[in-house]
Structures are given as structure tokens and as C-alpha cells.
C-alpha atoms as a PDB file:
ATOM      1  CA  MET A   1      13.218  35.522  25.237  1.00  0.00           C
ATOM      2  CA  ASP A   2      15.789  36.187  27.856  1.00  0.00           C
ATOM      3  CA  GLN A   3      16.990  34.066  30.620  1.00  0.00           C
ATOM      4  CA  SER A   4      19.357  35.220  33.550  1.00  0.00           C
ATOM      5  CA  PHE A   5      21.413  32.905  35.632  1.00  0.00           C
ATOM      6  CA  ALA A   6      23.941  33.568  38.756  1.00  0.00           C
ATOM      7  CA  SER A   7      27.005  31.851  38.981  1.00  0.00           C
ATOM      8  CA  LEU A   8      27.178  29.146  41.779  1.00  0.00           C
ATOM      9  CA  ASP A   9      30.987  29.323  41.715  1.00  0.00           C
ATOM     10  CA  SER A  10      31.858  32.699  41.006  1.00  0.00           C
ATOM     11  CA  LYS A  11      30.075  35.321  43.233  1.00  0.00           C
ATOM     12  CA  GLY A  12      28.823  38.369  41.425  1.00  0.00           C
ATOM     13  CA  GLU A  13      28.908  36.560  38.073  1.00  0.00           C
ATOM     14  CA  TYR A  14      25.866  36.527  35.930  1.00  0.00           C
ATOM     15  CA  LEU A  15      24.796  35.165  32.543  1.00  0.00           C
ATOM     16  CA  VAL A  16      21.956  36.586  30.691  1.00  0.00           C
ATOM     17  CA  VAL A  17      20.864  34.375  27.442  1.00  0.00           C
ATOM     18  CA  SER A  18      18.924  36.639  24.957  1.00  0.00           C
ATOM     19  CA  ILE A  19      17.409  34.864  21.826  1.00  0.00           C
ATOM     20  CA  TRP A  20      16.491  37.069  18.739  1.00  0.00           C
ATOM     21  CA  ASP A  21      15.147  36.245  15.455  1.00  0.00           C
ATOM     22  CA  THR A  22      18.217  37.828  13.453  1.00  0.00           C
ATOM     23  CA  ILE A  23      21.493  39.237  14.410  1.00  0.00           C
ATOM     24  CA  ASP A  24      20.403  42.400  12.543  1.00  0.00           C
ATOM     25  CA  SER A  25      17.540  42.859  15.163  1.00  0.00           C
ATOM     26  CA  TRP A  26      19.825  42.312  17.983  1.00  0.00           C
ATOM     27  CA  ASN A  27      22.251  44.812  16.419  1.00  0.00           C
ATOM     28  CA  GLN A  28      19.716  47.561  16.112  1.00  0.00           C
ATOM     29  CA  TRP A  29      18.589  47.167  19.753  1.00  0.00           C
ATOM     30  CA  LYS A  30      22.442  46.964  21.091  1.00  0.00           C
ATOM     31  CA  ASN A  31      23.268  50.019  19.432  1.00  0.00           C
ATOM     32  CA  SER A  32      20.156  52.144  20.411  1.00  0.00           C
ATOM     33  CA  GLU A  33      20.301  54.882  22.816  1.00  0.00           C
ATOM     34  CA  GLU A  34      17.816  53.355  25.015  1.00  0.00           C
ATOM     35  CA  ARG A  35      19.689  49.960  25.413  1.00  0.00           C
ATOM     36  CA  GLN A  36      22.984  51.752  25.916  1.00  0.00           C
ATOM     37  CA  SER A  37      21.484  54.043  28.791  1.00  0.00           C
ATOM     38  CA  ILE A  38      20.241  50.844  30.515  1.00  0.00           C
ATOM     39  CA  GLN A  39      23.748  49.152  29.848  1.00  0.00           C
ATOM     40  CA  ASP A  40      25.415  52.130  31.283  1.00  0.00           C
ATOM     41  CA  GLN A  41      23.411  51.733  34.489  1.00  0.00           C
ATOM     42  CA  ILE A  42      24.069  48.034  34.946  1.00  0.00           C
ATOM     43  CA  ASP A  43      27.812  48.514  34.232  1.00  0.00           C
ATOM     44  CA  ASN A  44      27.909  51.381  36.969  1.00  0.00           C
ATOM     45  CA  LEU A  45      26.090  49.000  39.546  1.00  0.00           C
ATOM     46  CA  THR A  46      28.395  46.111  38.737  1.00  0.00           C
ATOM     47  CA  GLY A  47      31.514  48.017  38.389  1.00  0.00           C
ATOM     48  CA  LYS A  48      32.400  46.161  35.459  1.00  0.00           C
ATOM     49  CA  GLU A  49      31.917  46.379  31.706  1.00  0.00           C
ATOM     50  CA  THR A  50      29.407  43.875  30.111  1.00  0.00           C
ATOM     51  CA  GLN A  51      30.787  41.241  27.961  1.00  0.00           C
ATOM     52  CA  TYR A  52      29.163  39.732  24.852  1.00  0.00           C
ATOM     53  CA  ARG A  53      29.321  36.457  23.010  1.00  0.00           C
ATOM     54  CA  TYR A  54      27.412  35.418  20.059  1.00  0.00           C
ATOM     55  CA  TYR A  55      26.109  31.872  19.408  1.00  0.00           C
ATOM     56  CA  GLU A  56      24.326  29.962  16.603  1.00  0.00           C
ATOM     57  CA  PRO A  57      21.664  27.393  17.172  1.00  0.00           C
ATOM     58  CA  ILE A  58      22.777  23.817  16.659  1.00  0.00           C
ATOM     59  CA  VAL A  59      19.648  21.925  15.400  1.00  0.00           C
ATOM     60  CA  GLY A  60      19.867  18.073  15.053  1.00  0.00           C
ATOM     61  CA  GLY A  61      23.834  18.347  15.125  1.00  0.00           C
ATOM     62  CA  ILE A  62      23.835  20.405  12.076  1.00  0.00           C
ATOM     63  CA  ILE A  63      25.269  24.118  12.620  1.00  0.00           C
ATOM     64  CA  PRO A  64      23.347  26.433  10.323  1.00  0.00           C
ATOM     65  CA  LYS A  65      25.445  29.215   8.857  1.00  0.00           C
ATOM     66  CA  PHE A  66      24.222  32.647   9.649  1.00  0.00           C
ATOM     67  CA  GLU A  67      25.618  35.763   8.246  1.00  0.00           C
ATOM     68  CA  ALA A  68      26.989  37.342  11.562  1.00  0.00           C
ATOM     69  CA  ARG A  69      27.328  41.246  11.013  1.00  0.00           C
ATOM     70  CA  LEU A  70      28.592  42.254  14.364  1.00  0.00           C
END
């Protein structure tokens, strides 16, 4: 599932939230030639390099510990 947001107070800034089942699934996609080709096009259009941040879900106030292999 992906959601895209445009900043209300910083023109030209966007946030995309993408939810993956595992960090390994994300890394496989992130490192694929297909995704890199798409990312290169996005970066060329925006004139900026995309930044990534990784988050874990908080469930009922408990933070599950996933092994992040970034």
C-alpha cells in the first residue's frame, strides 16, 4: 500500500508512505534495476535525490523489534 502527500508549508516537498511485509521484500525492490530506473526519472524531474527513512509499526504502545538489514 502506498500513500503520497504534498507538503502544505514547503512547496515542492512530497512524502510517500509505502508499507511492505518485510524489510527484505523492500530491499529486493529498492535494489532492483526496474525501481532504480523509475527513481532516476523521478530524481531528474525533481532535481533532487530521493531520501529514505525506515520506520517500524507501533502496536498497542509496544514497539516490535524487527531485524532491519538496510
